[in-house]
């Protein structure tokens, strides 16, 4: 089940379950839309995958299956992240 992390791993912006700003990669790395698309240019700095909008868990389901309260904060070295993004950003995710 999707973990639904409460914050951006890079800038620590709050991303509650209802946030439309949350983006995730296939390993559930969680970033705000600004970090995912502008800073990392749609290339996950951990796995090189792309980002998609994180789904919102419905109210009736979030009660039974709550979102995580454990914050993950792993700010990236922006120089290294830029080099990483430059290698992958022009390759479609399905061909990376």
C-alpha atoms as a PDB file:
ATOM      1  CA  UNK A   1       0.000   0.000   0.000  1.00  0.00           C
ATOM      2  CA  UNK A   2       1.197   3.509  -0.820  1.00  0.00           C
ATOM      3  CA  UNK A   3       2.894   5.080   2.189  1.00  0.00           C
ATOM      4  CA  UNK A   4       1.705   8.698   1.622  1.00  0.00           C
ATOM      5  CA  UNK A   5       4.619  10.508   3.228  1.00  0.00           C
ATOM      6  CA  UNK A   6       3.878  13.845   4.922  1.00  0.00           C
ATOM      7  CA  UNK A   7       6.599  16.068   3.459  1.00  0.00           C
ATOM      8  CA  UNK A   8       8.901  16.836   0.542  1.00  0.00           C
ATOM      9  CA  UNK A   9      12.146  14.915   0.979  1.00  0.00           C
ATOM     10  CA  UNK A  10      14.185  17.829  -0.374  1.00  0.00           C
ATOM     11  CA  UNK A  11      12.672  21.101   0.917  1.00  0.00           C
ATOM     12  CA  UNK A  12      10.497  19.713   3.744  1.00  0.00           C
ATOM     13  CA  UNK A  13       7.288  21.336   2.448  1.00  0.00           C
ATOM     14  CA  UNK A  14       4.248  19.807   4.138  1.00  0.00           C
ATOM     15  CA  UNK A  15       2.400  17.407   1.818  1.00  0.00           C
ATOM     16  CA  UNK A  16      -0.657  16.063   3.630  1.00  0.00           C
ATOM     17  CA  UNK A  17      -2.791  13.345   2.069  1.00  0.00           C
ATOM     18  CA  UNK A  18      -5.006  15.988   0.418  1.00  0.00           C
ATOM     19  CA  UNK A  19      -2.125  17.852  -1.220  1.00  0.00           C
ATOM     20  CA  UNK A  20      -2.268  18.244  -4.987  1.00  0.00           C
ATOM     21  CA  UNK A  21       1.404  19.293  -4.911  1.00  0.00           C
ATOM     22  CA  UNK A  22       2.812  15.868  -3.969  1.00  0.00           C
ATOM     23  CA  UNK A  23       4.776  13.940  -6.592  1.00  0.00           C
ATOM     24  CA  UNK A  24       6.204  10.421  -6.262  1.00  0.00           C
ATOM     25  CA  UNK A  25       8.501   8.090  -8.171  1.00  0.00           C
ATOM     26  CA  UNK A  26       8.098   4.335  -8.426  1.00  0.00           C
ATOM     27  CA  UNK A  27       9.869   3.863  -5.065  1.00  0.00           C
ATOM     28  CA  UNK A  28       7.586   6.421  -3.374  1.00  0.00           C
ATOM     29  CA  UNK A  29      10.281   9.071  -3.070  1.00  0.00           C
ATOM     30  CA  UNK A  30       8.091  12.065  -2.298  1.00  0.00           C
ATOM     31  CA  UNK A  31       8.732  15.621  -3.456  1.00  0.00           C
ATOM     32  CA  UNK A  32       6.662  18.755  -3.872  1.00  0.00           C
ATOM     33  CA  UNK A  33       5.794  19.644  -7.449  1.00  0.00           C
ATOM     34  CA  UNK A  34       8.336  22.481  -7.491  1.00  0.00           C
ATOM     35  CA  UNK A  35      11.251  20.243  -6.448  1.00  0.00           C
ATOM     36  CA  UNK A  36      10.192  17.314  -8.653  1.00  0.00           C
ATOM     37  CA  UNK A  37       9.658  19.295 -11.845  1.00  0.00           C
ATOM     38  CA  UNK A  38      11.794  22.418 -11.503  1.00  0.00           C
ATOM     39  CA  UNK A  39      14.728  21.365  -9.325  1.00  0.00           C
ATOM     40  CA  UNK A  40      15.064  17.730 -10.437  1.00  0.00           C
ATOM     41  CA  UNK A  41      13.540  18.214 -13.914  1.00  0.00           C
ATOM     42  CA  UNK A  42      11.281  15.135 -13.640  1.00  0.00           C
ATOM     43  CA  UNK A  43      14.215  12.820 -12.867  1.00  0.00           C
ATOM     44  CA  UNK A  44      14.216  11.220  -9.424  1.00  0.00           C
ATOM     45  CA  UNK A  45      17.658  11.904  -7.926  1.00  0.00           C
ATOM     46  CA  UNK A  46      17.605   8.470  -6.274  1.00  0.00           C
ATOM     47  CA  UNK A  47      16.337   6.057  -8.944  1.00  0.00           C
ATOM     48  CA  UNK A  48      16.359   8.133 -12.197  1.00  0.00           C
ATOM     49  CA  UNK A  49      12.665   7.442 -12.702  1.00  0.00           C
ATOM     50  CA  UNK A  50      10.032  10.027 -13.491  1.00  0.00           C
ATOM     51  CA  UNK A  51       7.499  11.585 -11.141  1.00  0.00           C
ATOM     52  CA  UNK A  52       3.718  11.347 -11.157  1.00  0.00           C
ATOM     53  CA  UNK A  53       1.121  13.119  -9.065  1.00  0.00           C
ATOM     54  CA  UNK A  54       0.556  11.221  -5.840  1.00  0.00           C
ATOM     55  CA  UNK A  55      -3.034  10.039  -5.493  1.00  0.00           C
ATOM     56  CA  UNK A  56      -5.210  11.266  -2.640  1.00  0.00           C
ATOM     57  CA  UNK A  57      -6.599   8.595  -0.355  1.00  0.00           C
ATOM     58  CA  UNK A  58     -10.345   9.057   0.158  1.00  0.00           C
ATOM     59  CA  UNK A  59     -11.616  10.227   3.556  1.00  0.00           C
ATOM     60  CA  UNK A  60     -13.464   6.989   4.260  1.00  0.00           C
ATOM     61  CA  UNK A  61     -10.315   4.974   3.488  1.00  0.00           C
ATOM     62  CA  UNK A  62      -7.760   7.250   5.187  1.00  0.00           C
ATOM     63  CA  UNK A  63      -9.467   6.538   8.517  1.00  0.00           C
ATOM     64  CA  UNK A  64      -8.801   2.819   8.155  1.00  0.00           C
ATOM     65  CA  UNK A  65      -5.467   3.190   6.356  1.00  0.00           C
ATOM     66  CA  UNK A  66      -3.877   6.431   7.617  1.00  0.00           C
ATOM     67  CA  UNK A  67      -1.108   8.314   5.883  1.00  0.00           C
ATOM     68  CA  UNK A  68       2.391   8.035   7.305  1.00  0.00           C
ATOM     69  CA  UNK A  69       3.435  10.511   9.982  1.00  0.00           C
ATOM     70  CA  UNK A  70       7.128   9.706   9.572  1.00  0.00           C
ATOM     71  CA  UNK A  71       8.923  12.542   7.841  1.00  0.00           C
ATOM     72  CA  UNK A  72      11.675  11.691   5.376  1.00  0.00           C
ATOM     73  CA  UNK A  73      14.130  14.537   4.828  1.00  0.00           C
ATOM     74  CA  UNK A  74      17.086  13.855   2.552  1.00  0.00           C
ATOM     75  CA  UNK A  75      18.031  17.155   0.864  1.00  0.00           C
ATOM     76  CA  UNK A  76      20.042  16.488  -2.269  1.00  0.00           C
ATOM     77  CA  UNK A  77      23.314  18.032  -3.358  1.00  0.00           C
ATOM     78  CA  UNK A  78      21.987  20.293  -6.123  1.00  0.00           C
ATOM     79  CA  UNK A  79      25.178  20.140  -8.197  1.00  0.00           C
ATOM     80  CA  UNK A  80      25.097  16.342  -8.278  1.00  0.00           C
ATOM     81  CA  UNK A  81      21.329  16.329  -8.859  1.00  0.00           C
ATOM     82  CA  UNK A  82      21.736  18.698 -11.841  1.00  0.00           C
ATOM     83  CA  UNK A  83      24.380  16.450 -13.405  1.00  0.00           C
ATOM     84  CA  UNK A  84      22.111  13.459 -12.816  1.00  0.00           C
ATOM     85  CA  UNK A  85      19.068  15.212 -14.326  1.00  0.00           C
ATOM     86  CA  UNK A  86      21.067  16.360 -17.351  1.00  0.00           C
ATOM     87  CA  UNK A  87      21.943  12.747 -18.185  1.00  0.00           C
ATOM     88  CA  UNK A  88      18.341  11.495 -18.030  1.00  0.00           C
ATOM     89  CA  UNK A  89      15.874  14.356 -18.589  1.00  0.00           C
ATOM     90  CA  UNK A  90      15.778  14.104 -22.400  1.00  0.00           C
ATOM     91  CA  UNK A  91      15.241  10.350 -22.364  1.00  0.00           C
ATOM     92  CA  UNK A  92      11.585   9.320 -22.030  1.00  0.00           C
ATOM     93  CA  UNK A  93      11.017   7.477 -18.730  1.00  0.00           C
ATOM     94  CA  UNK A  94      10.065   4.260 -20.516  1.00  0.00           C
ATOM     95  CA  UNK A  95      13.496   4.236 -22.214  1.00  0.00           C
ATOM     96  CA  UNK A  96      15.711   5.193 -19.272  1.00  0.00           C
END
